Amino acid sequence: MGSSGEEEEEQLIQMVRDFIELGGGSTKPTSPSSSQSPKFHHKSTFSTLQDILTRVTDAETEILEKILIYLKDMEVVEQTHNLKKLIVKRLRRDGFEASICRTSWVATFGRPSGDYEYIDVMMKDNNGGTGTIERVRLIVDMDFRSQFELARPTSTYSELSTSLPSIFVGSEEKLMKIIPLLCSAAEQSLRESRLHIPPWRKASYMQSKWLSENCQKISLFPE
């Protein structure tokens, strides 16, 4: 258990380093050349995903910028443990209503049980500059891209998955658009590689991580 936890922490720390070195942006995949004759479906899926990712609200931008500042302030990242907890602590110190959200779900037909943790932020947002102030819930995942990694992915799936941000800040609605796209592409990649499609790679399982109704907010720090 300890070894596994340390490996996960090391992977997360490396992801943070990579994210900072890239200036906070996602990896920009190289556009396929016409000589490769990519399938129209892949082009459409990739274009749809980019359209979803580039639609960013003021609230999402504010939280992501705060997180990047926090990460850059952590001079000795190698000694940083419980990164999600530290991010929540800094957000709360800056006046945001943030907490760790722990989801869990029971096994159903075709979907094994599981649990997951991410950061939950409740804040006010100027609805597209219309002057209408709305209370919005943002989901923050510090290790988002890796959740969609596959063994032996096809080149088209690699292009799709590497365009995801390593740190996700967005709404439930945005996730509900992203997850089916990636899971459908993942299943196609596994089929083309003649690999079994495990239940934890299907949309119903992936949605349970962030969108499960059984969500427990954990207040980690005293007011």
C-alpha atoms as a PDB file:
ATOM      1  CA  MET A   1       0.000   0.000   0.000  1.00  0.00           C
ATOM      2  CA  GLY A   2       2.755   2.457   0.973  1.00  0.00           C
ATOM      3  CA  SER A   3       4.763   1.674  -2.156  1.00  0.00           C
ATOM      4  CA  SER A   4       1.712   2.115  -4.391  1.00  0.00           C
ATOM      5  CA  GLY A   5       0.875   5.432  -2.754  1.00  0.00           C
ATOM      6  CA  GLU A   6       4.440   6.674  -3.215  1.00  0.00           C
ATOM      7  CA  GLU A   7       4.394   5.698  -6.903  1.00  0.00           C
ATOM      8  CA  GLU A   8       1.130   7.581  -7.437  1.00  0.00           C
ATOM      9  CA  GLU A   9       2.576  10.612  -5.648  1.00  0.00           C
ATOM     10  CA  GLU A  10       5.718  10.526  -7.800  1.00  0.00           C
ATOM     11  CA  GLN A  11       3.619  10.330 -10.962  1.00  0.00           C
ATOM     12  CA  LEU A  12       1.516  13.268  -9.795  1.00  0.00           C
ATOM     13  CA  ILE A  13       4.613  15.328  -8.954  1.00  0.00           C
ATOM     14  CA  GLN A  14       6.080  14.656 -12.412  1.00  0.00           C
ATOM     15  CA  MET A  15       2.765  15.664 -13.982  1.00  0.00           C
ATOM     16  CA  VAL A  16       2.867  18.938 -12.039  1.00  0.00           C
ATOM     17  CA  ARG A  17       6.409  19.631 -13.213  1.00  0.00           C
ATOM     18  CA  ASP A  18       5.431  18.947 -16.828  1.00  0.00           C
ATOM     19  CA  PHE A  19       2.364  21.144 -16.511  1.00  0.00           C
ATOM     20  CA  ILE A  20       4.388  24.084 -15.171  1.00  0.00           C
ATOM     21  CA  GLU A  21       7.077  23.671 -17.835  1.00  0.00           C
ATOM     22  CA  LEU A  22       4.386  23.795 -20.519  1.00  0.00           C
ATOM     23  CA  GLY A  23       3.132  27.078 -19.098  1.00  0.00           C
ATOM     24  CA  GLY A  24      -0.146  25.588 -17.908  1.00  0.00           C
ATOM     25  CA  GLY A  25      -1.350  24.513 -21.308  1.00  0.00           C
ATOM     26  CA  SER A  26      -2.120  21.095 -22.630  1.00  0.00           C
ATOM     27  CA  THR A  27       0.183  19.323 -25.027  1.00  0.00           C
ATOM     28  CA  LYS A  28      -0.551  20.442 -28.547  1.00  0.00           C
ATOM     29  CA  PRO A  29      -0.669  17.409 -30.799  1.00  0.00           C
ATOM     30  CA  THR A  30       0.673  17.601 -34.289  1.00  0.00           C
ATOM     31  CA  SER A  31      -2.063  17.766 -36.883  1.00  0.00           C
ATOM     32  CA  PRO A  32      -2.128  14.665 -39.057  1.00  0.00           C
ATOM     33  CA  SER A  33      -0.899  15.174 -42.602  1.00  0.00           C
ATOM     34  CA  SER A  34      -3.152  14.580 -45.550  1.00  0.00           C
ATOM     35  CA  SER A  35      -0.903  11.700 -46.617  1.00  0.00           C
ATOM     36  CA  GLN A  36      -2.052   9.796 -43.533  1.00  0.00           C
ATOM     37  CA  SER A  37      -5.682  10.000 -44.693  1.00  0.00           C
ATOM     38  CA  PRO A  38      -7.190  10.060 -41.159  1.00  0.00           C
ATOM     39  CA  LYS A  39     -10.769   8.979 -40.836  1.00  0.00           C
ATOM     40  CA  PHE A  40     -13.359  11.728 -41.016  1.00  0.00           C
ATOM     41  CA  HIS A  41     -14.864  10.467 -37.750  1.00  0.00           C
ATOM     42  CA  HIS A  42     -11.602  11.068 -35.902  1.00  0.00           C
ATOM     43  CA  LYS A  43     -11.297  14.562 -37.376  1.00  0.00           C
ATOM     44  CA  SER A  44     -14.831  15.331 -36.243  1.00  0.00           C
ATOM     45  CA  THR A  45     -14.232  13.939 -32.731  1.00  0.00           C
ATOM     46  CA  PHE A  46     -10.972  15.851 -32.336  1.00  0.00           C
ATOM     47  CA  SER A  47     -12.590  19.073 -33.523  1.00  0.00           C
ATOM     48  CA  THR A  48     -15.530  18.594 -31.159  1.00  0.00           C
ATOM     49  CA  LEU A  49     -13.206  17.983 -28.212  1.00  0.00           C
ATOM     50  CA  GLN A  50     -11.166  21.110 -28.953  1.00  0.00           C
ATOM     51  CA  ASP A  51     -14.346  23.147 -29.175  1.00  0.00           C
ATOM     52  CA  ILE A  52     -15.421  21.896 -25.724  1.00  0.00           C
ATOM     53  CA  LEU A  53     -12.009  22.547 -24.157  1.00  0.00           C
ATOM     54  CA  THR A  54     -11.632  26.060 -25.541  1.00  0.00           C
ATOM     55  CA  ARG A  55     -14.980  27.240 -24.162  1.00  0.00           C
ATOM     56  CA  VAL A  56     -13.725  28.484 -20.802  1.00  0.00           C
ATOM     57  CA  THR A  57     -15.686  30.588 -18.320  1.00  0.00           C
ATOM     58  CA  ASP A  58     -14.299  33.394 -16.154  1.00  0.00           C
ATOM     59  CA  ALA A  59     -14.712  31.209 -13.065  1.00  0.00           C
ATOM     60  CA  GLU A  60     -12.734  28.333 -14.632  1.00  0.00           C
ATOM     61  CA  THR A  61      -9.961  30.705 -15.670  1.00  0.00           C
ATOM     62  CA  GLU A  62      -9.754  32.253 -12.210  1.00  0.00           C
ATOM     63  CA  ILE A  63      -9.432  28.913 -10.411  1.00  0.00           C
ATOM     64  CA  LEU A  64      -6.885  27.503 -12.875  1.00  0.00           C
ATOM     65  CA  GLU A  65      -4.746  30.621 -12.609  1.00  0.00           C
ATOM     66  CA  LYS A  66      -4.844  30.370  -8.812  1.00  0.00           C
ATOM     67  CA  ILE A  67      -3.777  26.722  -8.920  1.00  0.00           C
ATOM     68  CA  LEU A  68      -0.866  27.477 -11.247  1.00  0.00           C
ATOM     69  CA  ILE A  69       0.319  30.183  -8.863  1.00  0.00           C
ATOM     70  CA  TYR A  70       0.106  27.761  -5.939  1.00  0.00           C
ATOM     71  CA  LEU A  71       2.098  25.134  -7.814  1.00  0.00           C
ATOM     72  CA  LYS A  72       4.822  27.583  -8.757  1.00  0.00           C
ATOM     73  CA  ASP A  73       5.015  28.714  -5.127  1.00  0.00           C
ATOM     74  CA  MET A  74       5.753  25.148  -4.055  1.00  0.00           C
ATOM     75  CA  GLU A  75       9.501  25.429  -4.546  1.00  0.00           C
ATOM     76  CA  VAL A  76      10.361  21.919  -3.345  1.00  0.00           C
ATOM     77  CA  VAL A  77       7.791  19.882  -5.213  1.00  0.00           C
ATOM     78  CA  GLU A  78       9.669  16.660  -4.460  1.00  0.00           C
ATOM     79  CA  GLN A  79       8.609  16.962  -0.819  1.00  0.00           C
ATOM     80  CA  THR A  80       5.021  17.889  -1.549  1.00  0.00           C
ATOM     81  CA  HIS A  81       2.575  15.212  -0.408  1.00  0.00           C
ATOM     82  CA  ASN A  82      -1.200  15.249  -0.443  1.00  0.00           C
ATOM     83  CA  LEU A  83      -1.229  17.791  -3.254  1.00  0.00           C
ATOM     84  CA  LYS A  84      -5.022  17.963  -3.472  1.00  0.00           C
ATOM     85  CA  LYS A  85      -5.234  18.807   0.229  1.00  0.00           C
ATOM     86  CA  LEU A  86      -2.650  21.568  -0.122  1.00  0.00           C
ATOM     87  CA  ILE A  87      -4.482  23.078  -3.101  1.00  0.00           C
ATOM     88  CA  VAL A  88      -7.755  23.037  -1.144  1.00  0.00           C
ATOM     89  CA  LYS A  89      -6.016  24.693   1.810  1.00  0.00           C
ATOM     90  CA  ARG A  90      -4.686  27.510  -0.396  1.00  0.00           C
ATOM     91  CA  LEU A  91      -8.049  28.012  -2.124  1.00  0.00           C
ATOM     92  CA  ARG A  92      -9.837  28.250   1.209  1.00  0.00           C
ATOM     93  CA  ARG A  93      -7.217  30.691   2.469  1.00  0.00           C
ATOM     94  CA  ASP A  94      -7.999  32.865  -0.564  1.00  0.00           C
ATOM     95  CA  GLY A  95     -11.698  32.828   0.276  1.00  0.00           C
ATOM     96  CA  PHE A  96     -12.975  30.081  -2.011  1.00  0.00           C
ATOM     97  CA  GLU A  97     -15.441  27.418  -0.895  1.00  0.00           C
ATOM     98  CA  ALA A  98     -13.276  24.413  -1.701  1.00  0.00           C
ATOM     99  CA  SER A  99     -13.150  20.855  -0.440  1.00  0.00           C
ATOM    100  CA  ILE A 100     -12.133  17.333  -1.345  1.00  0.00           C
ATOM    101  CA  CYS A 101     -15.031  15.481  -2.913  1.00  0.00           C
ATOM    102  CA  ARG A 102     -14.990  11.711  -2.525  1.00  0.00           C
ATOM    103  CA  THR A 103     -17.274   9.720  -4.788  1.00  0.00           C
ATOM    104  CA  SER A 104     -18.103   6.048  -4.453  1.00  0.00           C
ATOM    105  CA  TRP A 105     -20.392   3.710  -6.314  1.00  0.00           C
ATOM    106  CA  VAL A 106     -21.611   0.152  -6.021  1.00  0.00           C
ATOM    107  CA  ALA A 107     -21.187  -2.504  -8.646  1.00  0.00           C
ATOM    108  CA  THR A 108     -23.888  -2.821 -11.282  1.00  0.00           C
ATOM    109  CA  PHE A 109     -24.172  -4.995 -14.357  1.00  0.00           C
ATOM    110  CA  GLY A 110     -21.119  -4.244 -16.483  1.00  0.00           C
ATOM    111  CA  ARG A 111     -19.663  -1.726 -14.006  1.00  0.00           C
ATOM    112  CA  PRO A 112     -17.461  -2.664 -11.036  1.00  0.00           C
ATOM    113  CA  SER A 113     -17.592  -0.713  -7.785  1.00  0.00           C
ATOM    114  CA  GLY A 114     -15.047   1.990  -7.068  1.00  0.00           C
ATOM    115  CA  ASP A 115     -14.228   5.307  -5.485  1.00  0.00           C
ATOM    116  CA  TYR A 116     -12.421   8.500  -6.489  1.00  0.00           C
ATOM    117  CA  GLU A 117     -11.375  11.899  -5.135  1.00  0.00           C
ATOM    118  CA  TYR A 118     -11.184  15.317  -6.750  1.00  0.00           C
ATOM    119  CA  ILE A 119     -11.425  18.963  -5.689  1.00  0.00           C
ATOM    120  CA  ASP A 120     -14.811  20.640  -5.510  1.00  0.00           C
ATOM    121  CA  VAL A 121     -15.123  24.450  -5.701  1.00  0.00           C
ATOM    122  CA  MET A 122     -18.331  26.430  -5.293  1.00  0.00           C
ATOM    123  CA  MET A 123     -18.165  30.021  -6.483  1.00  0.00           C
ATOM    124  CA  LYS A 124     -20.001  32.860  -8.185  1.00  0.00           C
ATOM    125  CA  ASP A 125     -19.579  33.441 -11.894  1.00  0.00           C
ATOM    126  CA  ASN A 126     -20.566  36.263 -14.204  1.00  0.00           C
ATOM    127  CA  ASN A 127     -22.624  34.329 -16.741  1.00  0.00           C
ATOM    128  CA  GLY A 128     -20.722  35.086 -19.942  1.00  0.00           C
ATOM    129  CA  GLY A 129     -20.481  38.776 -19.111  1.00  0.00           C
ATOM    130  CA  THR A 130     -24.271  39.201 -19.186  1.00  0.00           C
ATOM    131  CA  GLY A 131     -24.344  40.706 -15.715  1.00  0.00           C
ATOM    132  CA  THR A 132     -26.209  37.739 -14.275  1.00  0.00           C
ATOM    133  CA  ILE A 133     -24.337  36.282 -11.298  1.00  0.00           C
ATOM    134  CA  GLU A 134     -24.717  32.529 -10.914  1.00  0.00           C
ATOM    135  CA  ARG A 135     -23.488  30.136  -8.243  1.00  0.00           C
ATOM    136  CA  VAL A 136     -21.530  27.441 -10.048  1.00  0.00           C
ATOM    137  CA  ARG A 137     -19.837  24.209  -9.044  1.00  0.00           C
ATOM    138  CA  LEU A 138     -16.446  23.507 -10.543  1.00  0.00           C
ATOM    139  CA  ILE A 139     -14.680  20.171 -10.593  1.00  0.00           C
ATOM    140  CA  VAL A 140     -10.895  20.290 -10.328  1.00  0.00           C
ATOM    141  CA  ASP A 141      -8.878  17.177 -11.151  1.00  0.00           C
ATOM    142  CA  MET A 142      -5.127  17.482 -10.690  1.00  0.00           C
ATOM    143  CA  ASP A 143      -4.409  14.349 -12.725  1.00  0.00           C
ATOM    144  CA  PHE A 144      -7.097  14.434 -15.389  1.00  0.00           C
ATOM    145  CA  ARG A 145      -5.298  13.395 -18.558  1.00  0.00           C
ATOM    146  CA  SER A 146      -3.852  10.218 -17.071  1.00  0.00           C
ATOM    147  CA  GLN A 147      -7.363   8.944 -16.284  1.00  0.00           C
ATOM    148  CA  PHE A 148      -7.828   8.350 -20.010  1.00  0.00           C
ATOM    149  CA  GLU A 149      -4.496   6.682 -20.762  1.00  0.00           C
ATOM    150  CA  LEU A 150      -4.516   3.352 -22.574  1.00  0.00           C
ATOM    151  CA  ALA A 151      -2.001   0.599 -23.076  1.00  0.00           C
ATOM    152  CA  ARG A 152      -0.905   0.369 -26.719  1.00  0.00           C
ATOM    153  CA  PRO A 153      -3.135   3.232 -27.923  1.00  0.00           C
ATOM    154  CA  THR A 154      -3.634   3.875 -31.611  1.00  0.00           C
ATOM    155  CA  SER A 155      -2.105   7.060 -33.016  1.00  0.00           C
ATOM    156  CA  THR A 156      -5.542   8.634 -33.389  1.00  0.00           C
ATOM    157  CA  TYR A 157      -6.430   7.967 -29.758  1.00  0.00           C
ATOM    158  CA  SER A 158      -3.049   9.257 -28.589  1.00  0.00           C
ATOM    159  CA  GLU A 159      -3.676  12.485 -30.467  1.00  0.00           C
ATOM    160  CA  LEU A 160      -7.063  12.812 -28.809  1.00  0.00           C
ATOM    161  CA  SER A 161      -6.022  11.954 -25.243  1.00  0.00           C
ATOM    162  CA  THR A 162      -2.840  14.052 -25.221  1.00  0.00           C
ATOM    163  CA  SER A 163      -4.886  17.110 -26.127  1.00  0.00           C
ATOM    164  CA  LEU A 164      -6.641  16.849 -22.759  1.00  0.00           C
ATOM    165  CA  PRO A 165      -5.406  19.196 -20.019  1.00  0.00           C
ATOM    166  CA  SER A 166      -3.344  17.551 -17.292  1.00  0.00           C
ATOM    167  CA  ILE A 167      -5.228  19.725 -14.790  1.00  0.00           C
ATOM    168  CA  PHE A 168      -8.959  19.937 -15.446  1.00  0.00           C
ATOM    169  CA  VAL A 169     -11.108  22.791 -14.170  1.00  0.00           C
ATOM    170  CA  GLY A 170     -14.669  22.713 -15.397  1.00  0.00           C
ATOM    171  CA  SER A 171     -18.325  22.019 -14.815  1.00  0.00           C
ATOM    172  CA  GLU A 172     -20.220  18.763 -14.669  1.00  0.00           C
ATOM    173  CA  GLU A 173     -21.775  19.683 -18.006  1.00  0.00           C
ATOM    174  CA  LYS A 174     -18.348  19.950 -19.625  1.00  0.00           C
ATOM    175  CA  LEU A 175     -17.359  16.543 -18.259  1.00  0.00           C
ATOM    176  CA  MET A 176     -20.596  15.028 -19.552  1.00  0.00           C
ATOM    177  CA  LYS A 177     -19.511  16.089 -23.046  1.00  0.00           C
ATOM    178  CA  ILE A 178     -15.864  15.034 -22.758  1.00  0.00           C
ATOM    179  CA  ILE A 179     -16.278  11.578 -21.208  1.00  0.00           C
ATOM    180  CA  PRO A 180     -18.459   9.967 -23.931  1.00  0.00           C
ATOM    181  CA  LEU A 181     -16.133  11.279 -26.656  1.00  0.00           C
ATOM    182  CA  LEU A 182     -12.994   9.865 -25.034  1.00  0.00           C
ATOM    183  CA  CYS A 183     -14.567   6.580 -23.955  1.00  0.00           C
ATOM    184  CA  SER A 184     -15.965   5.927 -27.406  1.00  0.00           C
ATOM    185  CA  ALA A 185     -12.563   6.639 -28.939  1.00  0.00           C
ATOM    186  CA  ALA A 186     -10.869   4.461 -26.303  1.00  0.00           C
ATOM    187  CA  GLU A 187     -13.116   1.514 -27.136  1.00  0.00           C
ATOM    188  CA  GLN A 188     -12.334   1.950 -30.837  1.00  0.00           C
ATOM    189  CA  SER A 189      -8.612   2.074 -30.060  1.00  0.00           C
ATOM    190  CA  LEU A 190      -8.794  -1.121 -28.008  1.00  0.00           C
ATOM    191  CA  ARG A 191     -10.741  -2.899 -30.750  1.00  0.00           C
ATOM    192  CA  GLU A 192      -8.191  -1.899 -33.392  1.00  0.00           C
ATOM    193  CA  SER A 193      -5.397  -3.129 -31.104  1.00  0.00           C
ATOM    194  CA  ARG A 194      -7.357  -6.367 -30.559  1.00  0.00           C
ATOM    195  CA  LEU A 195      -7.445  -5.777 -26.830  1.00  0.00           C
ATOM    196  CA  HIS A 196     -10.250  -6.521 -24.403  1.00  0.00           C
ATOM    197  CA  ILE A 197     -12.396  -3.527 -23.411  1.00  0.00           C
ATOM    198  CA  PRO A 198     -12.390  -3.548 -19.590  1.00  0.00           C
ATOM    199  CA  PRO A 199     -15.497  -2.229 -17.811  1.00  0.00           C
ATOM    200  CA  TRP A 200     -13.497   0.532 -16.118  1.00  0.00           C
ATOM    201  CA  ARG A 201     -12.810   2.062 -19.542  1.00  0.00           C
ATOM    202  CA  LYS A 202     -16.480   2.463 -20.361  1.00  0.00           C
ATOM    203  CA  ALA A 203     -18.358   5.752 -20.052  1.00  0.00           C
ATOM    204  CA  SER A 204     -20.600   4.605 -17.194  1.00  0.00           C
ATOM    205  CA  TYR A 205     -17.572   3.842 -15.012  1.00  0.00           C
ATOM    206  CA  MET A 206     -15.662   6.999 -15.938  1.00  0.00           C
ATOM    207  CA  GLN A 207     -18.725   9.169 -15.292  1.00  0.00           C
ATOM    208  CA  SER A 208     -19.009   7.642 -11.820  1.00  0.00           C
ATOM    209  CA  LYS A 209     -15.619   9.121 -10.880  1.00  0.00           C
ATOM    210  CA  TRP A 210     -16.783  12.729 -11.145  1.00  0.00           C
ATOM    211  CA  LEU A 211     -20.549  12.543 -11.563  1.00  0.00           C
ATOM    212  CA  SER A 212     -21.643   9.947  -9.011  1.00  0.00           C
ATOM    213  CA  GLU A 213     -24.666  10.942  -6.946  1.00  0.00           C
ATOM    214  CA  ASN A 214     -22.917   9.525  -3.882  1.00  0.00           C
ATOM    215  CA  CYS A 215     -20.509  12.420  -3.331  1.00  0.00           C
ATOM    216  CA  GLN A 216     -19.135  13.207   0.117  1.00  0.00           C
ATOM    217  CA  LYS A 217     -17.514  16.593   0.669  1.00  0.00           C
ATOM    218  CA  ILE A 218     -14.645  16.371   3.118  1.00  0.00           C
ATOM    219  CA  SER A 219     -13.758  19.548   5.001  1.00  0.00           C
ATOM    220  CA  LEU A 220     -10.116  19.028   5.827  1.00  0.00           C
ATOM    221  CA  PHE A 221      -9.224  22.266   7.501  1.00  0.00           C
ATOM    222  CA  PRO A 222     -10.844  24.268  10.303  1.00  0.00           C
ATOM    223  CA  GLU A 223     -12.359  27.632   9.485  1.00  0.00           C
END
